[in-house]
Amino acid sequence: MTSLRQRMTEDMQVRNLALNTQTSYVQQVSLFARHFGKSPEQLGPEDIPAYQVYLTNEKKLSPSSILIAIAALRFLYKVSLKKDWSFEDVIPAPKKPQKLPVILSPEEVLHFLGCVAGTKHRAILTTCYAAGLRISEATHLKPAHIDSQRMVIRVEQGKGQKDRYVMLSPKLLETLRSYFRAVRPKGWLFEGDVSGHPINRSSVELALPEGSTTLSHPQAHHTPFHAPRVRSPLAGIRHGCSHHPTAARPPQPGDHRPLSADRHQQSVFHLQSARPATSSPSR
């Protein structure tokens, strides 16, 4: 590892950037240096626009992909190399086009989930769609995060390393209970092949039906992974809890209390219970 890479890595670690962000930034800076055959320390304001033109015209990258490279270079020169530049002029960001999402029909959603092989993968993707979770957020759920009394799911350290609550519909709860009874997970709700570890995100993506859109695609927000941006065609799965008392005000982070052993067992009991919770209209 070069001294500059180590310095940049340490700067990102000090600022507590996500591991995926750190990996992406280091990769982008490496590609930038490899393009010119020089260290970034030897490159200046005249080289960066030329590299942007190369990414746009020759590599044919989308604005979203170029924005990742721009963010990495801005971090490198502003934080690690401490350049006193006008970064909006030296490293301009391309304008990202605003496009309407493609909304799947109810039949398309049911067909999509029906094509997913395996009980575990189907349960994960159904959870992603019904609760509006990213794959990485769904795979890190634990049974204690499923609160059937308040009909919410607690997402810990999701996008932006933030905790949040999302609504839990009665039909999603029913789906998760069926999965729980069939698999009987111990630690993580969706366990991987390695004991004590959650299933890997890439394993879930490999289970996607051929031709479906993945998270990295610019239009991924029309897929089950970013369902909060569109109205769910699966009215029973995602919007079935709209009349629940907690729907008017989702629980706030301050409302959460650390789970005691008894409460943890109670949550697991409600999840694996064959009978819906009292607050569920499906009873």
Protein backbone atom coordinates (compact mmCIF):
# COMPACT_ATOMS: atom_id res chain seq x y z
CA MET A 1 0.00 0.00 0.00
CA THR A 2 1.39 3.39 -1.01
CA SER A 3 1.70 6.15 1.56
CA LEU A 4 -0.98 8.21 -0.21
CA ARG A 5 -3.45 5.31 -0.25
CA GLN A 6 -2.79 4.64 3.41
CA ARG A 7 -3.27 8.31 4.25
CA MET A 8 -6.54 8.45 2.33
CA THR A 9 -7.76 5.25 3.95
CA GLU A 10 -6.99 6.59 7.41
CA ASP A 11 -8.77 9.88 6.59
CA MET A 12 -11.88 7.93 5.61
CA GLN A 13 -11.69 5.75 8.70
CA VAL A 14 -11.39 8.80 10.97
CA ARG A 15 -14.55 10.21 9.37
CA ASN A 16 -16.29 6.86 9.79
CA LEU A 17 -17.16 6.46 6.13
CA ALA A 18 -18.92 3.22 5.27
CA LEU A 19 -16.65 0.34 4.27
CA ASN A 20 -18.24 0.16 0.82
CA THR A 21 -17.60 3.88 0.35
CA GLN A 22 -13.96 3.48 1.36
CA THR A 23 -13.48 0.62 -1.08
CA SER A 24 -15.18 2.54 -3.89
CA TYR A 25 -13.14 5.72 -3.31
CA VAL A 26 -9.82 3.85 -3.27
CA GLN A 27 -10.78 2.04 -6.47
CA GLN A 28 -11.75 5.27 -8.23
CA VAL A 29 -8.50 7.02 -7.27
CA SER A 30 -6.54 3.97 -8.43
CA LEU A 31 -8.27 4.08 -11.83
CA PHE A 32 -7.56 7.81 -12.08
CA ALA A 33 -3.84 7.31 -11.38
CA ARG A 34 -3.63 4.32 -13.72
CA HIS A 35 -5.17 6.32 -16.57
CA PHE A 36 -2.33 8.85 -16.50
CA GLY A 37 0.38 6.49 -15.27
CA LYS A 38 1.25 8.90 -12.46
CA SER A 39 0.60 9.39 -8.78
CA PRO A 40 -2.37 11.69 -8.04
CA GLU A 41 0.11 13.94 -6.22
CA GLN A 42 1.71 14.69 -9.60
CA LEU A 43 -1.61 15.46 -11.27
CA GLY A 44 -3.37 18.81 -11.10
CA PRO A 45 -6.47 20.83 -12.05
CA GLU A 46 -5.77 20.50 -15.76
CA ASP A 47 -5.77 16.69 -15.66
CA ILE A 48 -9.05 16.12 -13.84
CA PRO A 49 -11.39 17.63 -16.50
CA ALA A 50 -9.57 15.61 -19.14
CA TYR A 51 -10.26 12.47 -17.12
CA GLN A 52 -13.93 13.42 -16.85
CA VAL A 53 -14.13 13.80 -20.62
CA TYR A 54 -12.53 10.35 -20.95
CA LEU A 55 -15.12 8.81 -18.62
CA THR A 56 -17.97 10.50 -20.47
CA ASN A 57 -16.96 10.07 -24.12
CA GLU A 58 -14.81 6.95 -24.19
CA LYS A 59 -15.95 4.89 -21.23
CA LYS A 60 -19.59 5.97 -21.79
CA LEU A 61 -20.27 6.02 -18.06
CA SER A 62 -23.55 7.31 -16.71
CA PRO A 63 -23.68 10.52 -14.64
CA SER A 64 -24.29 8.41 -11.52
CA SER A 65 -21.06 6.47 -12.08
CA ILE A 66 -19.10 9.63 -12.84
CA LEU A 67 -20.41 11.23 -9.64
CA ILE A 68 -18.76 8.44 -7.65
CA ALA A 69 -15.41 9.21 -9.28
CA ILE A 70 -15.94 12.94 -8.64
CA ALA A 71 -16.69 12.34 -4.95
CA ALA A 72 -13.55 10.20 -4.59
CA LEU A 73 -11.30 12.78 -6.26
CA ARG A 74 -12.78 15.63 -4.24
CA PHE A 75 -12.12 13.73 -1.04
CA LEU A 76 -8.58 12.91 -2.11
CA TYR A 77 -7.55 16.44 -3.03
CA LYS A 78 -9.55 18.32 -0.42
CA VAL A 79 -9.02 16.11 2.62
CA SER A 80 -5.93 13.96 2.07
CA LEU A 81 -3.85 16.32 -0.10
CA LYS A 82 -5.36 19.48 1.43
CA LYS A 83 -5.58 21.41 -1.84
CA ASP A 84 -7.02 24.90 -1.59
CA TRP A 85 -9.01 24.76 -4.82
CA SER A 86 -12.44 25.88 -5.88
CA PHE A 87 -13.63 22.30 -6.20
CA GLU A 88 -16.89 23.13 -7.98
CA ASP A 89 -14.80 24.67 -10.77
CA VAL A 90 -11.82 22.29 -10.77
CA ILE A 91 -13.83 19.09 -10.31
CA PRO A 92 -17.33 19.89 -11.60
CA ALA A 93 -20.10 17.37 -11.04
CA PRO A 94 -22.29 16.36 -13.98
CA LYS A 95 -25.98 17.12 -13.78
CA LYS A 96 -27.89 13.96 -13.02
CA PRO A 97 -31.05 13.56 -15.11
CA GLN A 98 -34.28 13.18 -13.16
CA LYS A 99 -36.29 10.27 -14.49
CA LEU A 100 -39.61 8.85 -13.45
CA PRO A 101 -39.45 5.32 -12.03
CA VAL A 102 -41.03 2.40 -13.81
CA ILE A 103 -43.79 1.07 -11.56
CA LEU A 104 -44.34 -2.66 -11.65
CA SER A 105 -47.87 -3.94 -12.01
CA PRO A 106 -49.29 -6.32 -9.37
CA GLU A 107 -48.93 -9.21 -11.81
CA GLU A 108 -45.29 -8.33 -12.53
CA VAL A 109 -44.43 -8.15 -8.85
CA LEU A 110 -46.06 -11.48 -8.09
CA HIS A 111 -44.36 -13.02 -11.11
CA PHE A 112 -40.99 -11.58 -9.99
CA LEU A 113 -41.26 -13.01 -6.48
CA GLY A 114 -42.62 -16.28 -7.82
CA CYS A 115 -39.51 -16.72 -9.98
CA VAL A 116 -37.18 -16.46 -6.97
CA ALA A 117 -35.94 -19.90 -6.03
CA GLY A 118 -35.59 -20.83 -2.37
CA THR A 119 -37.67 -19.99 0.68
CA LYS A 120 -34.99 -17.79 2.25
CA HIS A 121 -34.28 -15.68 -0.83
CA ARG A 122 -37.99 -15.22 -1.54
CA ALA A 123 -38.58 -14.12 2.06
CA ILE A 124 -35.70 -11.62 1.86
CA LEU A 125 -36.91 -10.05 -1.38
CA THR A 126 -40.50 -9.96 -0.16
CA THR A 127 -39.29 -8.13 2.95
CA CYS A 128 -37.31 -5.70 0.80
CA TYR A 129 -40.35 -4.93 -1.30
CA ALA A 130 -42.98 -4.84 1.42
CA ALA A 131 -40.96 -2.77 3.93
CA GLY A 132 -38.93 -0.72 1.45
CA LEU A 133 -35.55 -2.08 2.59
CA ARG A 134 -32.28 -2.42 0.75
CA ILE A 135 -30.90 -5.94 0.44
CA SER A 136 -28.08 -5.16 2.87
CA GLU A 137 -30.63 -3.90 5.40
CA ALA A 138 -32.89 -6.95 5.09
CA THR A 139 -30.01 -9.41 5.41
CA HIS A 140 -28.94 -7.84 8.72
CA LEU A 141 -32.31 -8.20 10.41
CA LYS A 142 -32.66 -10.25 13.57
CA PRO A 143 -35.84 -11.85 14.96
CA ALA A 144 -35.85 -9.27 17.76
CA HIS A 145 -36.12 -6.50 15.15
CA ILE A 146 -39.58 -7.72 14.14
CA ASP A 147 -41.95 -6.05 16.60
CA SER A 148 -45.38 -7.63 16.08
CA GLN A 149 -46.91 -5.72 18.98
CA ARG A 150 -46.29 -2.28 17.47
CA MET A 151 -46.20 -3.66 13.91
CA VAL A 152 -42.83 -2.14 13.02
CA ILE A 153 -39.41 -3.36 11.90
CA ARG A 154 -36.31 -1.82 13.44
CA VAL A 155 -33.53 -1.25 10.88
CA GLU A 156 -30.16 -0.77 12.55
CA GLN A 157 -27.34 1.11 10.84
CA GLY A 158 -28.94 1.25 7.41
CA LYS A 159 -28.17 3.75 4.65
CA GLY A 160 -25.98 6.53 6.03
CA GLN A 161 -25.34 4.45 9.17
CA LYS A 162 -28.72 5.49 10.59
CA ASP A 163 -31.28 3.54 12.60
CA ARG A 164 -34.92 3.82 11.61
CA TYR A 165 -38.31 2.13 11.88
CA VAL A 166 -40.42 0.91 8.98
CA MET A 167 -43.99 -0.33 9.02
CA LEU A 168 -44.71 -4.04 9.28
CA SER A 169 -47.86 -5.11 7.46
CA PRO A 170 -49.90 -8.10 8.69
CA LYS A 171 -49.26 -10.07 5.50
CA LEU A 172 -45.51 -9.51 5.69
CA LEU A 173 -45.64 -10.65 9.31
CA GLU A 174 -47.48 -13.76 8.17
CA THR A 175 -44.82 -14.39 5.51
CA LEU A 176 -42.00 -13.99 8.04
CA ARG A 177 -43.73 -16.31 10.51
CA SER A 178 -44.08 -19.00 7.85
CA TYR A 179 -40.40 -18.58 7.00
CA PHE A 180 -39.43 -18.69 10.68
CA ARG A 181 -41.33 -21.92 11.29
CA ALA A 182 -39.74 -23.52 8.22
CA VAL A 183 -36.13 -22.44 8.83
CA ARG A 184 -35.90 -21.78 12.58
CA PRO A 185 -33.02 -19.23 12.41
CA LYS A 186 -31.05 -18.69 15.61
CA GLY A 187 -29.00 -15.49 15.48
CA TRP A 188 -29.76 -13.62 12.28
CA LEU A 189 -33.18 -13.78 10.69
CA PHE A 190 -31.59 -14.70 7.35
CA GLU A 191 -28.49 -16.70 8.19
CA GLY A 192 -25.73 -17.45 5.72
CA ASP A 193 -23.74 -20.59 5.06
CA VAL A 194 -21.18 -19.56 7.70
CA SER A 195 -22.56 -20.11 11.18
CA GLY A 196 -23.14 -16.91 13.12
CA HIS A 197 -23.10 -14.67 10.04
CA PRO A 198 -25.98 -13.23 7.98
CA ILE A 199 -26.45 -14.22 4.36
CA ASN A 200 -24.23 -12.31 1.95
CA ARG A 201 -25.83 -9.60 -0.18
CA SER A 202 -24.23 -10.97 -3.35
CA SER A 203 -25.84 -14.36 -2.66
CA VAL A 204 -29.25 -12.72 -2.68
CA GLU A 205 -28.49 -10.81 -5.88
CA LEU A 206 -27.47 -14.07 -7.58
CA ALA A 207 -30.92 -15.43 -6.76
CA LEU A 208 -32.63 -12.62 -8.69
CA PRO A 209 -34.46 -13.77 -11.81
CA GLU A 210 -32.46 -13.33 -15.00
CA GLY A 211 -32.98 -9.92 -16.55
CA SER A 212 -34.16 -8.21 -13.36
CA THR A 213 -32.68 -4.89 -12.26
CA THR A 214 -30.06 -4.87 -9.52
CA LEU A 215 -29.29 -2.28 -6.88
CA SER A 216 -26.42 -0.77 -8.83
CA HIS A 217 -28.63 0.12 -11.79
CA PRO A 218 -29.63 3.81 -12.07
CA GLN A 219 -33.28 2.76 -12.31
CA ALA A 220 -33.10 0.38 -9.34
CA HIS A 221 -35.65 2.43 -7.42
CA HIS A 222 -38.48 0.90 -9.43
CA THR A 223 -37.59 -2.56 -8.20
CA PRO A 224 -38.63 -4.14 -4.87
CA PHE A 225 -35.50 -2.76 -3.19
CA HIS A 226 -36.57 0.88 -3.18
CA ALA A 227 -40.32 0.48 -3.02
CA PRO A 228 -40.84 3.53 -0.74
CA ARG A 229 -40.59 5.78 -3.80
CA VAL A 230 -43.55 4.17 -5.53
CA ARG A 231 -46.93 2.90 -4.50
CA SER A 232 -46.74 -0.80 -3.92
CA PRO A 233 -48.81 -2.93 -6.27
CA LEU A 234 -48.97 -5.54 -3.51
CA ALA A 235 -51.63 -3.72 -1.55
CA GLY A 236 -51.99 -6.57 0.93
CA ILE A 237 -48.29 -6.86 1.66
CA ARG A 238 -47.07 -3.31 2.01
CA HIS A 239 -50.11 -1.14 2.57
CA GLY A 240 -52.23 -3.61 4.52
CA CYS A 241 -51.21 -1.93 7.79
CA SER A 242 -52.19 1.61 6.80
CA HIS A 243 -55.13 1.53 9.21
CA HIS A 244 -53.02 0.33 12.13
CA PRO A 245 -52.80 2.84 15.03
CA THR A 246 -49.00 3.09 14.65
CA ALA A 247 -49.29 4.04 10.99
CA ALA A 248 -50.15 7.63 11.82
CA ARG A 249 -46.87 8.11 13.69
CA PRO A 250 -43.98 5.70 13.13
CA PRO A 251 -41.93 5.17 16.30
CA GLN A 252 -39.06 7.60 16.69
CA PRO A 253 -35.49 6.56 17.58
CA GLY A 254 -35.97 7.94 21.08
CA ASP A 255 -38.92 5.63 21.62
CA HIS A 256 -36.79 2.50 21.36
CA ARG A 257 -35.67 0.81 24.54
CA PRO A 258 -32.84 -1.75 24.65
CA LEU A 259 -34.25 -5.24 24.35
CA SER A 260 -34.05 -7.20 27.57
CA ALA A 261 -33.76 -10.97 27.47
CA ASP A 262 -37.48 -11.32 28.24
CA ARG A 263 -38.49 -8.86 25.54
CA HIS A 264 -36.18 -10.55 23.04
CA GLN A 265 -37.86 -13.89 23.74
CA GLN A 266 -41.27 -12.26 23.52
CA SER A 267 -40.44 -10.81 20.09
CA VAL A 268 -39.24 -14.17 18.82
CA PHE A 269 -42.32 -15.82 20.28
CA HIS A 270 -44.62 -13.45 18.41
CA LEU A 271 -42.66 -13.94 15.21
CA GLN A 272 -42.86 -17.70 15.26
CA SER A 273 -46.40 -17.81 16.62
CA ALA A 274 -48.88 -19.41 14.31
CA ARG A 275 -51.56 -17.00 15.48
CA PRO A 276 -51.36 -13.36 14.31
CA ALA A 277 -50.84 -10.63 16.88
CA THR A 278 -53.89 -9.09 18.52
CA SER A 279 -53.43 -5.84 16.60
CA SER A 280 -53.38 -7.64 13.27
CA PRO A 281 -56.61 -7.37 11.26
CA SER A 282 -55.91 -10.76 9.76
CA ARG A 283 -56.87 -12.48 13.00
